Amino acid sequence: MGVFRRCERLLPSPFSADDRERGYRYQLALRQLELSDTRVFDQPRAGREWFERTLRDQLTLGRPDHVAVVFQRKVIATTPGRFWTRVFNRGDQVGLQVHYKHSKVKQYLKEGRALRTETTVNDSYDFGVGRLLTEANFKALLAIGHDINERLLDAQLEACACAPDSETLARVVLPGHDHDGQPAPALRFGDPRVQALLASLCCFSHLLDGLTNRSLRTHVARLLPGYSPRQMTYDLRRLRRNGFLTRIEGSRRYQLTADGRRLAVFFAKTYARVVTPSLSELDPALPDEIGARSHLARAWRAYERALDERIADAALAP
């Protein structure tokens, strides 16, 4: 501000000395503000591999078309502006852009080894902050920009470090009781209904807005045709008693817990990316020419042959 006032005295102005004495003067306004976060990887190759896996997560688990969680602003049908996510290419580099109204957050690998997260605010009114350059407005936008960067990184890191310990996994997949002693029905891994339910919990919009019977049922029904409101009511009870959800006091909405999202991501990623493709490669009916191209199929068939030979040597074969 002091620099501008010094320059103002040197620049031509329509204000006369009398006008300035009466208090007429220019005011500075915020046109654009960019805030960045840079994380440097020790090994560039590891950084690129991590970022490319993270991009895949953003597009396949929940498909974050609703970006409210990143910007911490509620988005409804009548909210003006654009809200979308896209992946862009810059030469041999890949990046991610998340748009909210006139503003956006962009993430890419800088020089192949630094993860760069940039939030650009093009209109402070997008976040309910005034446009005049005052100390209060500037501090508010600084906090908003840094928080947006942190929320995006936190969501990505949670998706990467989602494997639970054995005790937590057993508590979820086996019948038990919640902390109030109420029965907590099991969420059995691999059950189609459970997998559709937990995959639907990965949607980004749940993290900010919470969820209701209707909003979650809409997502589950896309994966499981014929899914009914009665089934949703039962499943909400299962999720709450297993620690995935907490009820928002004074409402019929539920909030997804940090452990709940982590477990939901683990179930969804493990089933979709490990179990399903692996079972297809282990199928005995898989043609030999296809199985020969799979490391897992070759190893499994070699194991089966070795086991058959061991059984034959022991004279146990019928």
Protein backbone atom coordinates (compact mmCIF):
# COMPACT_ATOMS: atom_id res chain seq x y z
CA MET A 1 0.00 0.00 0.00
CA GLY A 2 2.83 2.40 0.83
CA VAL A 3 4.49 1.75 -2.55
CA PHE A 4 1.26 2.58 -4.35
CA ARG A 5 0.78 5.82 -2.41
CA ARG A 6 4.31 6.93 -3.31
CA CYS A 7 3.71 6.16 -6.99
CA GLU A 8 0.34 7.87 -6.87
CA ARG A 9 2.00 11.21 -6.12
CA LEU A 10 4.09 10.92 -9.31
CA LEU A 11 1.27 9.90 -11.66
CA PRO A 12 -1.20 12.30 -13.33
CA SER A 13 -4.48 12.43 -11.44
CA PRO A 14 -7.90 13.99 -12.08
CA PHE A 15 -8.10 14.83 -8.36
CA SER A 16 -7.10 18.33 -7.42
CA ALA A 17 -5.42 19.23 -4.16
CA ASP A 18 -8.80 20.32 -2.77
CA ASP A 19 -10.31 16.96 -3.80
CA ARG A 20 -7.58 15.09 -1.99
CA GLU A 21 -8.03 17.24 1.12
CA ARG A 22 -11.72 16.29 1.08
CA GLY A 23 -10.70 12.62 1.10
CA TYR A 24 -11.16 11.72 -2.55
CA ARG A 25 -8.53 9.25 -3.66
CA TYR A 26 -8.02 5.98 -5.47
CA GLN A 27 -8.63 2.67 -3.72
CA LEU A 28 -6.86 -0.56 -4.55
CA ALA A 29 -8.92 -3.62 -5.47
CA LEU A 30 -7.94 -7.28 -5.73
CA ARG A 31 -8.09 -8.54 -9.28
CA GLN A 32 -6.24 -11.88 -8.96
CA LEU A 33 -4.42 -13.68 -6.17
CA GLU A 34 -2.37 -16.86 -6.56
CA LEU A 35 -1.20 -18.97 -3.62
CA SER A 36 1.01 -22.02 -4.10
CA ASP A 37 2.31 -25.01 -2.17
CA THR A 38 5.42 -26.86 -3.38
CA ARG A 39 6.49 -30.32 -2.15
CA VAL A 40 9.82 -31.61 -3.51
CA PHE A 41 10.41 -35.36 -3.97
CA ASP A 42 13.85 -36.83 -3.31
CA GLN A 43 13.47 -39.05 -6.37
CA PRO A 44 11.76 -37.50 -9.43
CA ARG A 45 10.60 -40.89 -10.70
CA ALA A 46 8.82 -41.65 -7.42
CA GLY A 47 7.13 -38.26 -7.53
CA ARG A 48 5.82 -38.77 -11.04
CA GLU A 49 4.55 -42.29 -10.29
CA TRP A 50 2.77 -41.05 -7.15
CA PHE A 51 1.13 -38.15 -8.97
CA GLU A 52 -0.07 -40.28 -11.90
CA ARG A 53 -1.61 -42.80 -9.50
CA THR A 54 -3.25 -39.95 -7.62
CA LEU A 55 -4.78 -38.57 -10.82
CA ARG A 56 -6.33 -41.95 -11.52
CA ASP A 57 -7.86 -41.98 -8.04
CA GLN A 58 -9.45 -38.58 -8.56
CA LEU A 59 -11.16 -39.76 -11.73
CA THR A 60 -12.28 -43.26 -10.76
CA LEU A 61 -13.22 -43.08 -7.07
CA GLY A 62 -16.25 -40.86 -6.79
CA ARG A 63 -15.42 -38.83 -9.93
CA PRO A 64 -15.18 -35.40 -8.25
CA ASP A 65 -17.52 -33.47 -10.54
CA HIS A 66 -18.67 -31.65 -7.41
CA VAL A 67 -15.62 -29.77 -6.16
CA ALA A 68 -17.23 -28.29 -3.06
CA VAL A 69 -14.95 -30.25 -0.73
CA VAL A 70 -11.82 -28.64 -2.14
CA PHE A 71 -13.12 -25.08 -2.00
CA GLN A 72 -15.23 -25.62 1.15
CA ARG A 73 -18.18 -23.87 -0.44
CA LYS A 74 -21.64 -25.38 -0.76
CA VAL A 75 -22.69 -25.99 -4.36
CA ILE A 76 -26.38 -26.36 -5.16
CA ALA A 77 -28.36 -26.45 -8.41
CA THR A 78 -28.86 -22.66 -8.44
CA THR A 79 -25.25 -21.75 -7.63
CA PRO A 80 -23.91 -19.70 -10.57
CA GLY A 81 -20.60 -20.43 -12.24
CA ARG A 82 -18.77 -23.53 -13.39
CA PHE A 83 -17.75 -26.50 -11.26
CA TRP A 84 -15.68 -29.13 -13.01
CA THR A 85 -12.45 -31.08 -12.94
CA ARG A 86 -10.18 -31.80 -15.87
CA VAL A 87 -6.80 -33.35 -16.56
CA PHE A 88 -4.53 -31.40 -18.91
CA ASN A 89 -1.28 -32.16 -20.71
CA ARG A 90 1.68 -29.82 -20.79
CA GLY A 91 4.28 -31.41 -23.04
CA ASP A 92 5.10 -34.71 -21.33
CA GLN A 93 3.68 -33.50 -18.01
CA VAL A 94 0.16 -34.16 -16.73
CA GLY A 95 -1.76 -31.84 -14.44
CA LEU A 96 -5.09 -31.49 -12.67
CA GLN A 97 -7.39 -28.44 -12.62
CA VAL A 98 -10.42 -28.02 -10.38
CA HIS A 99 -12.67 -25.05 -11.21
CA TYR A 100 -15.05 -23.26 -8.88
CA LYS A 101 -16.95 -20.27 -10.33
CA HIS A 102 -14.21 -17.85 -11.49
CA SER A 103 -11.44 -19.45 -9.43
CA LYS A 104 -9.47 -22.68 -9.69
CA VAL A 105 -6.84 -24.88 -8.07
CA LYS A 106 -4.19 -26.43 -10.31
CA GLN A 107 -1.74 -29.21 -9.53
CA TYR A 108 1.20 -30.46 -11.58
CA LEU A 109 4.80 -31.67 -11.31
CA LYS A 110 7.21 -28.77 -11.70
CA GLU A 111 10.44 -29.74 -13.47
CA GLY A 112 9.53 -33.39 -12.91
CA ARG A 113 10.25 -33.48 -9.17
CA ALA A 114 8.25 -30.81 -7.30
CA LEU A 115 4.52 -31.25 -6.70
CA ARG A 116 3.07 -27.78 -7.26
CA THR A 117 -0.42 -26.94 -6.00
CA GLU A 118 -1.68 -23.49 -6.98
CA THR A 119 -4.95 -21.81 -6.03
CA THR A 120 -5.90 -18.82 -8.17
CA VAL A 121 -8.66 -16.51 -6.94
CA ASN A 122 -9.98 -14.42 -9.82
CA ASP A 123 -12.95 -12.99 -7.96
CA SER A 124 -12.92 -12.64 -4.19
CA TYR A 125 -16.74 -12.54 -4.22
CA ASP A 126 -16.61 -16.29 -4.97
CA PHE A 127 -15.70 -16.77 -1.30
CA GLY A 128 -17.69 -13.96 0.27
CA VAL A 129 -14.69 -11.63 0.62
CA GLY A 130 -14.67 -7.99 -0.48
CA ARG A 131 -12.59 -6.77 -3.42
CA LEU A 132 -10.95 -3.79 -1.74
CA LEU A 133 -7.33 -4.36 -0.76
CA THR A 134 -7.61 -4.15 3.00
CA GLU A 135 -5.69 -6.05 5.64
CA ALA A 136 -8.77 -8.05 6.62
CA ASN A 137 -9.64 -9.02 3.03
CA PHE A 138 -6.05 -9.93 2.18
CA LYS A 139 -5.65 -12.13 5.28
CA ALA A 140 -9.00 -13.82 4.59
CA LEU A 141 -7.98 -14.70 1.02
CA LEU A 142 -4.57 -15.94 2.18
CA ALA A 143 -6.26 -18.30 4.63
CA ILE A 144 -8.75 -19.49 2.00
CA GLY A 145 -6.02 -20.19 -0.58
CA HIS A 146 -3.77 -22.08 1.81
CA ASP A 147 -6.73 -24.09 3.15
CA ILE A 148 -7.77 -25.10 -0.38
CA ASN A 149 -4.26 -26.35 -1.14
CA GLU A 150 -4.13 -28.30 2.13
CA ARG A 151 -7.56 -29.89 1.65
CA LEU A 152 -6.68 -31.13 -1.83
CA LEU A 153 -3.38 -32.62 -0.63
CA ASP A 154 -4.98 -34.16 2.47
CA ALA A 155 -7.68 -35.86 0.38
CA GLN A 156 -5.03 -37.28 -1.96
CA LEU A 157 -2.79 -38.52 0.86
CA GLU A 158 -5.73 -40.18 2.63
CA ALA A 159 -6.50 -42.13 -0.54
CA CYS A 160 -2.88 -43.34 -0.75
CA ALA A 161 -2.44 -44.38 2.89
CA CYS A 162 -5.78 -46.14 3.29
CA ALA A 163 -4.77 -49.66 4.40
CA PRO A 164 -6.23 -50.43 7.88
CA ASP A 165 -4.69 -52.54 10.61
CA SER A 166 -5.90 -56.13 11.03
CA GLU A 167 -8.00 -55.34 14.11
CA THR A 168 -9.90 -52.54 12.36
CA LEU A 169 -10.47 -54.69 9.29
CA ALA A 170 -11.83 -57.56 11.38
CA ARG A 171 -14.16 -55.19 13.25
CA VAL A 172 -15.71 -54.04 9.98
CA VAL A 173 -16.04 -57.33 8.08
CA LEU A 174 -17.30 -59.37 11.06
CA PRO A 175 -20.49 -58.83 13.11
CA GLY A 176 -19.91 -56.94 16.33
CA HIS A 177 -21.20 -54.14 18.54
CA ASP A 178 -20.73 -50.38 18.57
CA HIS A 179 -19.50 -48.35 21.56
CA ASP A 180 -23.08 -48.25 22.94
CA GLY A 181 -23.42 -52.02 22.82
CA GLN A 182 -25.79 -51.97 19.82
CA PRO A 183 -25.36 -54.72 17.20
CA ALA A 184 -23.13 -53.64 14.31
CA PRO A 185 -23.90 -55.82 11.25
CA ALA A 186 -20.88 -56.80 9.19
CA LEU A 187 -19.78 -55.05 6.01
CA ARG A 188 -18.41 -58.11 4.25
CA PHE A 189 -15.67 -57.46 1.73
CA GLY A 190 -16.63 -58.57 -1.78
CA ASP A 191 -20.38 -58.49 -1.22
CA PRO A 192 -21.80 -56.59 -4.25
CA ARG A 193 -24.11 -54.48 -2.11
CA VAL A 194 -21.33 -53.58 0.33
CA GLN A 195 -18.92 -52.74 -2.47
CA ALA A 196 -21.46 -50.47 -4.19
CA LEU A 197 -22.24 -48.80 -0.86
CA LEU A 198 -18.61 -48.11 0.07
CA ALA A 199 -17.64 -47.02 -3.45
CA SER A 200 -20.46 -44.46 -3.27
CA LEU A 201 -19.06 -43.12 0.00
CA CYS A 202 -15.88 -42.09 -1.85
CA CYS A 203 -17.68 -39.21 -3.59
CA PHE A 204 -15.97 -35.92 -2.73
CA SER A 205 -19.24 -34.06 -2.17
CA HIS A 206 -19.97 -36.10 0.99
CA LEU A 207 -16.91 -34.68 2.76
CA LEU A 208 -18.30 -31.15 2.88
CA ASP A 209 -22.07 -31.34 2.54
CA GLY A 210 -22.59 -34.57 4.45
CA LEU A 211 -25.12 -37.06 3.10
CA THR A 212 -28.72 -38.14 3.49
CA ASN A 213 -30.64 -41.31 2.77
CA ARG A 214 -31.65 -39.87 -0.60
CA SER A 215 -28.29 -38.43 -1.67
CA LEU A 216 -26.34 -41.63 -0.93
CA ARG A 217 -29.07 -43.87 -2.36
CA THR A 218 -28.81 -42.02 -5.69
CA HIS A 219 -25.13 -42.99 -5.99
CA VAL A 220 -25.64 -46.60 -4.85
CA ALA A 221 -28.57 -47.15 -7.22
CA ARG A 222 -26.33 -46.28 -10.18
CA LEU A 223 -24.07 -49.19 -9.25
CA LEU A 224 -26.78 -51.53 -7.95
CA PRO A 225 -30.06 -51.27 -9.92
CA GLY A 226 -33.18 -51.84 -7.85
CA TYR A 227 -31.62 -50.56 -4.63
CA SER A 228 -34.51 -49.46 -2.39
CA PRO A 229 -35.00 -46.77 0.32
CA ARG A 230 -35.55 -49.54 2.89
CA GLN A 231 -32.16 -51.06 2.04
CA MET A 232 -30.59 -47.62 2.32
CA THR A 233 -32.06 -47.12 5.80
CA TYR A 234 -30.58 -50.43 6.97
CA ASP A 235 -27.20 -49.68 5.38
CA LEU A 236 -27.03 -46.23 6.98
CA ARG A 237 -27.49 -47.93 10.35
CA ARG A 238 -24.70 -50.38 9.48
CA LEU A 239 -22.38 -47.57 8.46
CA ARG A 240 -23.09 -45.53 11.58
CA ARG A 241 -22.58 -48.42 13.99
CA ASN A 242 -19.33 -49.41 12.28
CA GLY A 243 -17.93 -45.90 12.66
CA PHE A 244 -18.19 -44.77 9.03
CA LEU A 245 -20.77 -42.06 9.72
CA THR A 246 -21.87 -39.76 12.51
CA ARG A 247 -25.26 -38.06 12.59
CA ILE A 248 -25.18 -34.26 12.38
CA GLU A 249 -26.96 -33.07 15.50
CA GLY A 250 -30.42 -31.63 14.91
CA SER A 251 -30.70 -32.95 11.34
CA ARG A 252 -31.20 -36.06 9.27
CA ARG A 253 -27.82 -35.66 7.62
CA TYR A 254 -24.73 -37.74 8.28
CA GLN A 255 -21.06 -36.76 8.24
CA LEU A 256 -18.44 -39.12 6.88
CA THR A 257 -15.66 -39.75 9.41
CA ALA A 258 -11.98 -39.68 8.48
CA ASP A 259 -11.65 -43.41 9.26
CA GLY A 260 -14.84 -44.10 7.34
CA ARG A 261 -13.55 -42.47 4.17
CA ARG A 262 -10.17 -44.19 4.52
CA LEU A 263 -11.82 -47.62 4.85
CA ALA A 264 -14.26 -46.94 2.02
CA VAL A 265 -11.37 -46.00 -0.30
CA PHE A 266 -9.46 -49.13 0.77
CA PHE A 267 -12.42 -51.43 0.06
CA ALA A 268 -13.15 -49.77 -3.29
CA LYS A 269 -9.56 -49.69 -4.54
CA THR A 270 -8.72 -53.22 -3.36
CA TYR A 271 -11.81 -54.77 -4.92
CA ALA A 272 -11.64 -52.84 -8.22
CA ARG A 273 -7.89 -52.87 -8.77
CA VAL A 274 -6.62 -56.02 -7.06
CA VAL A 275 -9.33 -58.64 -6.58
CA THR A 276 -11.39 -58.26 -9.75
CA PRO A 277 -8.51 -58.17 -12.29
CA SER A 278 -6.57 -60.85 -10.39
CA LEU A 279 -9.49 -63.30 -10.37
CA SER A 280 -9.89 -62.91 -14.12
CA GLU A 281 -6.19 -63.75 -14.59
CA LEU A 282 -6.48 -66.81 -12.32
CA ASP A 283 -9.49 -68.19 -14.18
CA PRO A 284 -8.67 -71.76 -15.36
CA ALA A 285 -10.66 -71.06 -18.51
CA LEU A 286 -8.34 -68.21 -19.46
CA PRO A 287 -6.78 -69.07 -22.86
CA ASP A 288 -3.11 -70.02 -22.69
CA GLU A 289 -2.04 -67.28 -25.11
CA ILE A 290 -3.60 -64.65 -22.84
CA GLY A 291 -2.37 -66.25 -19.61
CA ALA A 292 1.17 -66.29 -20.96
CA ARG A 293 1.15 -62.48 -21.02
CA SER A 294 0.21 -62.22 -17.32
CA HIS A 295 2.90 -62.55 -14.64
CA LEU A 296 0.24 -63.50 -12.10
CA ALA A 297 -1.35 -66.15 -14.33
CA ARG A 298 2.03 -67.72 -15.12
CA ALA A 299 3.02 -67.80 -11.43
CA TRP A 300 -0.34 -69.29 -10.41
CA ARG A 301 -0.23 -72.03 -13.04
CA ALA A 302 3.34 -72.86 -12.06
CA TYR A 303 2.19 -73.13 -8.43
CA GLU A 304 -0.70 -75.42 -9.41
CA ARG A 305 1.62 -77.69 -11.38
CA ALA A 306 4.11 -77.89 -8.50
CA LEU A 307 1.31 -78.64 -6.04
CA ASP A 308 -0.12 -81.38 -8.28
CA GLU A 309 3.33 -82.96 -8.53
CA ARG A 310 3.76 -82.85 -4.74
CA ILE A 311 0.38 -84.52 -4.23
CA ALA A 312 1.21 -87.20 -6.82
CA ASP A 313 4.57 -87.90 -5.15
CA ALA A 314 2.79 -88.39 -1.83
CA ALA A 315 0.44 -90.91 -3.48
CA LEU A 316 -2.59 -88.85 -2.46
CA ALA A 317 -4.03 -88.33 -5.92
CA PRO A 318 -7.20 -90.36 -6.61
